[in-house]
Amino acid sequence: MNNDLVGLVASLIPSPRCHYLITGYTPIAFDNDNPSVVKKTTVLDVMRRLLQPKNIMLSTQSKHSKYISILNIIQGDTDPTSVHKSLQRIRERKLANFINWGPASIQVAMSRKSPFVTSQTKVSGLMIANSTIMHPFFGKIIKNYDNLMKRRAFLNQYQDFDIIGADAEEFDDCRESLQKLVDEYKAAESSDYLNWAYEKQMN
């Protein structure tokens, strides 16, 4: 009740361009599950599973991706001691690969369960994270766009609009902006990102 969404999300974004966040949730309960059975999940189980690719709501993977920042919202029967122990175990096992150029860590917000909604788990978790895994996702969009532009596919439906024009320059500007976003997320994976960002700003 003492946090708002803007305040929570603001700490996850280190630069204006890298503001695309991914989410994860666990455990997922289905309608056909027995509502009377309560699964005994722990804080450590939830926080560990939130880092697994199968629980992240993004259909792309990258071996070299790194987390820029993570916020876990843990709901249920929790206490600060179990949260601190879980964070220590995650650090010891190096389950999360963080950037080298910033003080990246896992933030945790604890939340009580609603008395009006039945839940099948003792503890559940929502992850909101900023990760360089976004650049393969946007890179795929650029690749698909280039393939369409080679064939000039569907352009006849847009060329009648003044904002697009006959040469479709508006699309090229959008592609350039998206390429800059991909380049920045790629640069964020390296330890030299701050120098890279400074040079880009000066140029």
C-alpha atoms as a PDB file:
ATOM      1  CA  MET A   1       0.000   0.000   0.000  1.00  0.00           C
ATOM      2  CA  ASN A   2       3.016   2.297   0.377  1.00  0.00           C
ATOM      3  CA  ASN A   3       4.279   1.738  -3.169  1.00  0.00           C
ATOM      4  CA  ASP A   4       2.959   2.924  -6.496  1.00  0.00           C
ATOM      5  CA  LEU A   5       3.691   1.403  -9.910  1.00  0.00           C
ATOM      6  CA  VAL A   6       5.682   4.391 -11.167  1.00  0.00           C
ATOM      7  CA  GLY A   7       7.965   4.334  -8.128  1.00  0.00           C
ATOM      8  CA  LEU A   8       8.551   0.590  -8.466  1.00  0.00           C
ATOM      9  CA  VAL A   9       9.258   0.664 -12.200  1.00  0.00           C
ATOM     10  CA  ALA A  10      11.443   3.806 -12.162  1.00  0.00           C
ATOM     11  CA  SER A  11      14.245   2.014 -10.336  1.00  0.00           C
ATOM     12  CA  LEU A  12      14.361  -0.660 -13.044  1.00  0.00           C
ATOM     13  CA  ILE A  13      15.231   1.702 -15.910  1.00  0.00           C
ATOM     14  CA  PRO A  14      18.841   2.992 -16.012  1.00  0.00           C
ATOM     15  CA  SER A  15      18.541   4.883 -19.316  1.00  0.00           C
ATOM     16  CA  PRO A  16      15.553   6.285 -21.213  1.00  0.00           C
ATOM     17  CA  ARG A  17      15.975   4.002 -24.230  1.00  0.00           C
ATOM     18  CA  CYS A  18      16.238   0.753 -22.233  1.00  0.00           C
ATOM     19  CA  HIS A  19      12.763   0.905 -20.755  1.00  0.00           C
ATOM     20  CA  TYR A  20      11.218  -2.327 -22.062  1.00  0.00           C
ATOM     21  CA  LEU A  21      10.491  -4.671 -19.172  1.00  0.00           C
ATOM     22  CA  ILE A  22       9.836  -8.398 -19.115  1.00  0.00           C
ATOM     23  CA  THR A  23       7.646 -10.229 -16.643  1.00  0.00           C
ATOM     24  CA  GLY A  24       7.535 -13.653 -15.078  1.00  0.00           C
ATOM     25  CA  TYR A  25       5.050 -15.370 -12.797  1.00  0.00           C
ATOM     26  CA  THR A  26       5.042 -18.533 -10.748  1.00  0.00           C
ATOM     27  CA  PRO A  27       3.366 -20.802  -9.875  1.00  0.00           C
ATOM     28  CA  ILE A  28       0.633 -20.828 -12.498  1.00  0.00           C
ATOM     29  CA  ALA A  29      -2.595 -22.507 -11.412  1.00  0.00           C
ATOM     30  CA  PHE A  30      -5.200 -23.748 -13.882  1.00  0.00           C
ATOM     31  CA  ASP A  31      -8.979 -23.894 -13.605  1.00  0.00           C
ATOM     32  CA  ASN A  32      -8.996 -27.708 -13.501  1.00  0.00           C
ATOM     33  CA  ASP A  33      -6.704 -27.787 -10.449  1.00  0.00           C
ATOM     34  CA  ASN A  34      -8.315 -28.768  -7.166  1.00  0.00           C
ATOM     35  CA  PRO A  35      -8.959 -25.452  -5.355  1.00  0.00           C
ATOM     36  CA  SER A  36      -9.029 -27.166  -1.959  1.00  0.00           C
ATOM     37  CA  VAL A  37      -5.403 -28.333  -2.303  1.00  0.00           C
ATOM     38  CA  VAL A  38      -2.879 -25.686  -1.260  1.00  0.00           C
ATOM     39  CA  LYS A  39       0.613 -26.214  -2.652  1.00  0.00           C
ATOM     40  CA  LYS A  40       3.387 -25.605  -0.120  1.00  0.00           C
ATOM     41  CA  THR A  41       5.630 -23.243  -2.046  1.00  0.00           C
ATOM     42  CA  THR A  42       8.477 -21.411  -0.321  1.00  0.00           C
ATOM     43  CA  VAL A  43      10.043 -18.020  -0.974  1.00  0.00           C
ATOM     44  CA  LEU A  44      13.236 -19.642  -2.276  1.00  0.00           C
ATOM     45  CA  ASP A  45      11.309 -21.905  -4.653  1.00  0.00           C
ATOM     46  CA  VAL A  46       9.365 -18.955  -6.042  1.00  0.00           C
ATOM     47  CA  MET A  47      12.366 -16.652  -6.460  1.00  0.00           C
ATOM     48  CA  ARG A  48      14.418 -19.421  -8.086  1.00  0.00           C
ATOM     49  CA  ARG A  49      11.633 -20.337 -10.519  1.00  0.00           C
ATOM     50  CA  LEU A  50      11.097 -16.708 -11.504  1.00  0.00           C
ATOM     51  CA  LEU A  51      14.583 -16.760 -13.058  1.00  0.00           C
ATOM     52  CA  GLN A  52      13.857 -19.831 -15.184  1.00  0.00           C
ATOM     53  CA  PRO A  53      13.137 -19.102 -18.894  1.00  0.00           C
ATOM     54  CA  LYS A  54       9.959 -21.219 -18.888  1.00  0.00           C
ATOM     55  CA  ASN A  55       8.330 -18.825 -16.390  1.00  0.00           C
ATOM     56  CA  ILE A  56       9.246 -15.643 -18.281  1.00  0.00           C
ATOM     57  CA  MET A  57       6.542 -14.209 -20.535  1.00  0.00           C
ATOM     58  CA  LEU A  58       8.814 -13.608 -23.526  1.00  0.00           C
ATOM     59  CA  SER A  59       9.328 -16.009 -26.418  1.00  0.00           C
ATOM     60  CA  THR A  60      13.028 -15.410 -27.030  1.00  0.00           C
ATOM     61  CA  GLN A  61      16.247 -16.669 -25.520  1.00  0.00           C
ATOM     62  CA  SER A  62      19.860 -15.527 -25.539  1.00  0.00           C
ATOM     63  CA  LYS A  63      22.857 -17.229 -23.908  1.00  0.00           C
ATOM     64  CA  HIS A  64      24.672 -13.921 -23.466  1.00  0.00           C
ATOM     65  CA  SER A  65      21.799 -11.888 -22.030  1.00  0.00           C
ATOM     66  CA  LYS A  66      22.205 -10.154 -18.686  1.00  0.00           C
ATOM     67  CA  TYR A  67      19.784  -8.693 -16.185  1.00  0.00           C
ATOM     68  CA  ILE A  68      19.984  -4.936 -15.723  1.00  0.00           C
ATOM     69  CA  SER A  69      17.574  -4.909 -12.780  1.00  0.00           C
ATOM     70  CA  ILE A  70      14.987  -7.197 -11.180  1.00  0.00           C
ATOM     71  CA  LEU A  71      11.983  -6.557  -8.978  1.00  0.00           C
ATOM     72  CA  ASN A  72      10.258  -9.538  -7.349  1.00  0.00           C
ATOM     73  CA  ILE A  73       6.842  -9.032  -5.796  1.00  0.00           C
ATOM     74  CA  ILE A  74       6.308 -11.910  -3.386  1.00  0.00           C
ATOM     75  CA  GLN A  75       2.767 -12.537  -2.209  1.00  0.00           C
ATOM     76  CA  GLY A  76       1.710 -14.803   0.616  1.00  0.00           C
ATOM     77  CA  ASP A  77       3.143 -16.152   3.850  1.00  0.00           C
ATOM     78  CA  THR A  78       6.552 -14.468   3.875  1.00  0.00           C
ATOM     79  CA  ASP A  79       8.892 -12.826   6.335  1.00  0.00           C
ATOM     80  CA  PRO A  80      12.019 -10.695   5.774  1.00  0.00           C
ATOM     81  CA  THR A  81      14.317 -13.441   7.076  1.00  0.00           C
ATOM     82  CA  SER A  82      13.262 -15.946   4.416  1.00  0.00           C
ATOM     83  CA  VAL A  83      13.647 -13.280   1.735  1.00  0.00           C
ATOM     84  CA  HIS A  84      17.213 -12.444   2.830  1.00  0.00           C
ATOM     85  CA  LYS A  85      18.167 -16.127   2.945  1.00  0.00           C
ATOM     86  CA  SER A  86      16.707 -16.669  -0.529  1.00  0.00           C
ATOM     87  CA  LEU A  87      18.636 -13.715  -1.964  1.00  0.00           C
ATOM     88  CA  GLN A  88      21.834 -15.069  -0.410  1.00  0.00           C
ATOM     89  CA  ARG A  89      21.266 -18.528  -1.941  1.00  0.00           C
ATOM     90  CA  ILE A  90      20.631 -17.004  -5.362  1.00  0.00           C
ATOM     91  CA  ARG A  91      23.855 -14.974  -5.134  1.00  0.00           C
ATOM     92  CA  GLU A  92      25.853 -18.011  -4.005  1.00  0.00           C
ATOM     93  CA  ARG A  93      24.545 -20.174  -6.853  1.00  0.00           C
ATOM     94  CA  LYS A  94      24.835 -17.306  -9.381  1.00  0.00           C
ATOM     95  CA  LEU A  95      21.367 -18.020 -10.740  1.00  0.00           C
ATOM     96  CA  ALA A  96      21.018 -14.497 -12.172  1.00  0.00           C
ATOM     97  CA  ASN A  97      23.576 -13.076 -14.602  1.00  0.00           C
ATOM     98  CA  PHE A  98      23.780  -9.320 -13.975  1.00  0.00           C
ATOM     99  CA  ILE A  99      25.489  -6.472 -15.834  1.00  0.00           C
ATOM    100  CA  ASN A 100      29.004  -5.445 -14.800  1.00  0.00           C
ATOM    101  CA  TRP A 101      28.673  -1.664 -15.091  1.00  0.00           C
ATOM    102  CA  GLY A 102      26.002  -0.954 -12.483  1.00  0.00           C
ATOM    103  CA  PRO A 103      24.895  -1.892  -8.958  1.00  0.00           C
ATOM    104  CA  ALA A 104      22.401  -4.460 -10.195  1.00  0.00           C
ATOM    105  CA  SER A 105      20.551  -6.602  -7.676  1.00  0.00           C
ATOM    106  CA  ILE A 106      17.188  -8.185  -6.965  1.00  0.00           C
ATOM    107  CA  GLN A 107      14.716  -5.879  -5.247  1.00  0.00           C
ATOM    108  CA  VAL A 108      11.940  -7.554  -3.308  1.00  0.00           C
ATOM    109  CA  ALA A 109       8.527  -6.194  -2.359  1.00  0.00           C
ATOM    110  CA  MET A 110       6.339  -8.272  -0.063  1.00  0.00           C
ATOM    111  CA  SER A 111       2.580  -8.326  -0.398  1.00  0.00           C
ATOM    112  CA  ARG A 112      -0.188  -9.934   1.584  1.00  0.00           C
ATOM    113  CA  LYS A 113      -2.794 -12.108  -0.093  1.00  0.00           C
ATOM    114  CA  SER A 114      -6.282 -10.811  -0.635  1.00  0.00           C
ATOM    115  CA  PRO A 115      -8.812 -12.279   1.807  1.00  0.00           C
ATOM    116  CA  PHE A 116     -11.424 -12.203  -0.952  1.00  0.00           C
ATOM    117  CA  VAL A 117      -9.550 -14.352  -3.518  1.00  0.00           C
ATOM    118  CA  THR A 118      -8.811 -18.031  -2.943  1.00  0.00           C
ATOM    119  CA  SER A 119      -5.297 -19.155  -3.763  1.00  0.00           C
ATOM    120  CA  GLN A 120      -3.871 -22.616  -4.352  1.00  0.00           C
ATOM    121  CA  THR A 121      -0.347 -21.703  -3.234  1.00  0.00           C
ATOM    122  CA  LYS A 122       1.135 -20.458   0.022  1.00  0.00           C
ATOM    123  CA  VAL A 123       3.583 -18.191  -1.798  1.00  0.00           C
ATOM    124  CA  SER A 124       3.482 -16.801  -5.337  1.00  0.00           C
ATOM    125  CA  GLY A 125       5.730 -14.371  -7.146  1.00  0.00           C
ATOM    126  CA  LEU A 126       5.713 -11.807  -9.934  1.00  0.00           C
ATOM    127  CA  MET A 127       8.970 -10.701 -11.517  1.00  0.00           C
ATOM    128  CA  ILE A 128       9.382  -7.415 -13.378  1.00  0.00           C
ATOM    129  CA  ALA A 129      12.843  -7.220 -14.909  1.00  0.00           C
ATOM    130  CA  ASN A 130      14.949  -5.208 -17.304  1.00  0.00           C
ATOM    131  CA  SER A 131      17.148  -7.484 -19.373  1.00  0.00           C
ATOM    132  CA  THR A 132      19.319  -7.340 -22.477  1.00  0.00           C
ATOM    133  CA  ILE A 133      17.333 -10.323 -23.739  1.00  0.00           C
ATOM    134  CA  MET A 134      15.180  -7.722 -25.500  1.00  0.00           C
ATOM    135  CA  HIS A 135      17.689  -7.163 -28.322  1.00  0.00           C
ATOM    136  CA  PRO A 136      17.126 -10.569 -30.035  1.00  0.00           C
ATOM    137  CA  PHE A 137      13.388  -9.883 -29.817  1.00  0.00           C
ATOM    138  CA  PHE A 138      13.656  -6.486 -31.531  1.00  0.00           C
ATOM    139  CA  GLY A 139      16.334  -7.823 -33.885  1.00  0.00           C
ATOM    140  CA  LYS A 140      13.838 -10.388 -35.150  1.00  0.00           C
ATOM    141  CA  ILE A 141      11.361  -7.602 -35.888  1.00  0.00           C
ATOM    142  CA  ILE A 142      14.027  -5.750 -37.909  1.00  0.00           C
ATOM    143  CA  LYS A 143      14.868  -8.916 -39.848  1.00  0.00           C
ATOM    144  CA  ASN A 144      11.208  -9.522 -40.727  1.00  0.00           C
ATOM    145  CA  TYR A 145      10.817  -5.870 -41.731  1.00  0.00           C
ATOM    146  CA  ASP A 146      13.840  -6.056 -44.050  1.00  0.00           C
ATOM    147  CA  ASN A 147      12.450  -9.169 -45.717  1.00  0.00           C
ATOM    148  CA  LEU A 148       9.129  -7.409 -46.362  1.00  0.00           C
ATOM    149  CA  MET A 149      10.832  -4.268 -47.674  1.00  0.00           C
ATOM    150  CA  LYS A 150      12.891  -6.272 -50.168  1.00  0.00           C
ATOM    151  CA  ARG A 151       9.633  -7.357 -51.787  1.00  0.00           C
ATOM    152  CA  ARG A 152       7.913  -4.016 -51.137  1.00  0.00           C
ATOM    153  CA  ALA A 153       5.146  -6.047 -49.566  1.00  0.00           C
ATOM    154  CA  PHE A 154       1.965  -4.284 -48.384  1.00  0.00           C
ATOM    155  CA  LEU A 155       3.412  -0.808 -49.100  1.00  0.00           C
ATOM    156  CA  ASN A 156       0.617   0.049 -51.526  1.00  0.00           C
ATOM    157  CA  GLN A 157      -1.759   0.167 -48.555  1.00  0.00           C
ATOM    158  CA  TYR A 158       0.267   2.947 -46.893  1.00  0.00           C
ATOM    159  CA  GLN A 159       1.614   5.078 -49.728  1.00  0.00           C
ATOM    160  CA  ASP A 160      -1.662   6.978 -50.124  1.00  0.00           C
ATOM    161  CA  PHE A 161      -1.164   8.603 -46.698  1.00  0.00           C
ATOM    162  CA  ASP A 162       0.769  11.877 -46.600  1.00  0.00           C
ATOM    163  CA  ILE A 163       2.630  10.954 -43.437  1.00  0.00           C
ATOM    164  CA  ILE A 164       4.117   7.852 -45.107  1.00  0.00           C
ATOM    165  CA  GLY A 165       4.728   9.181 -48.614  1.00  0.00           C
ATOM    166  CA  ALA A 166       5.569   7.309 -51.787  1.00  0.00           C
ATOM    167  CA  ASP A 167       9.085   6.394 -50.609  1.00  0.00           C
ATOM    168  CA  ALA A 168       7.952   5.115 -47.203  1.00  0.00           C
ATOM    169  CA  GLU A 169      10.569   7.214 -45.418  1.00  0.00           C
ATOM    170  CA  GLU A 170       8.575   7.063 -42.189  1.00  0.00           C
ATOM    171  CA  PHE A 171       9.153   3.303 -42.035  1.00  0.00           C
ATOM    172  CA  ASP A 172      12.879   3.757 -42.578  1.00  0.00           C
ATOM    173  CA  ASP A 173      13.043   6.263 -39.715  1.00  0.00           C
ATOM    174  CA  CYS A 174      11.245   3.791 -37.451  1.00  0.00           C
ATOM    175  CA  ARG A 175      13.666   1.030 -38.453  1.00  0.00           C
ATOM    176  CA  GLU A 176      16.600   3.289 -37.621  1.00  0.00           C
ATOM    177  CA  SER A 177      15.166   4.031 -34.175  1.00  0.00           C
ATOM    178  CA  LEU A 178      14.641   0.327 -33.539  1.00  0.00           C
ATOM    179  CA  GLN A 179      18.201  -0.449 -34.649  1.00  0.00           C
ATOM    180  CA  LYS A 180      19.538   2.114 -32.164  1.00  0.00           C
ATOM    181  CA  LEU A 181      17.521   0.375 -29.447  1.00  0.00           C
ATOM    182  CA  VAL A 182      19.014  -3.011 -30.406  1.00  0.00           C
ATOM    183  CA  ASP A 183      22.527  -1.518 -30.416  1.00  0.00           C
ATOM    184  CA  GLU A 184      22.036  -0.051 -26.942  1.00  0.00           C
ATOM    185  CA  TYR A 185      20.788  -3.317 -25.448  1.00  0.00           C
ATOM    186  CA  LYS A 186      23.743  -5.132 -27.034  1.00  0.00           C
ATOM    187  CA  ALA A 187      26.146  -2.536 -25.617  1.00  0.00           C
ATOM    188  CA  ALA A 188      24.558  -2.936 -22.176  1.00  0.00           C
ATOM    189  CA  GLU A 189      25.831  -6.533 -22.090  1.00  0.00           C
ATOM    190  CA  SER A 190      29.459  -5.332 -22.081  1.00  0.00           C
ATOM    191  CA  SER A 191      31.321  -3.825 -19.147  1.00  0.00           C
ATOM    192  CA  ASP A 192      32.206  -0.789 -21.313  1.00  0.00           C
ATOM    193  CA  TYR A 193      28.593   0.363 -21.670  1.00  0.00           C
ATOM    194  CA  LEU A 194      29.012   3.655 -19.794  1.00  0.00           C
ATOM    195  CA  ASN A 195      31.834   4.771 -22.113  1.00  0.00           C
ATOM    196  CA  TRP A 196      29.784   3.663 -25.111  1.00  0.00           C
ATOM    197  CA  ALA A 197      26.777   5.693 -23.928  1.00  0.00           C
ATOM    198  CA  TYR A 198      28.959   8.733 -23.248  1.00  0.00           C
ATOM    199  CA  GLU A 199      30.466   8.616 -26.752  1.00  0.00           C
ATOM    200  CA  LYS A 200      27.028   8.272 -28.307  1.00  0.00           C
ATOM    201  CA  GLN A 201      25.794  11.279 -26.344  1.00  0.00           C
ATOM    202  CA  MET A 202      28.784  13.397 -27.397  1.00  0.00           C
ATOM    203  CA  ASN A 203      28.305  12.462 -31.039  1.00  0.00           C
END
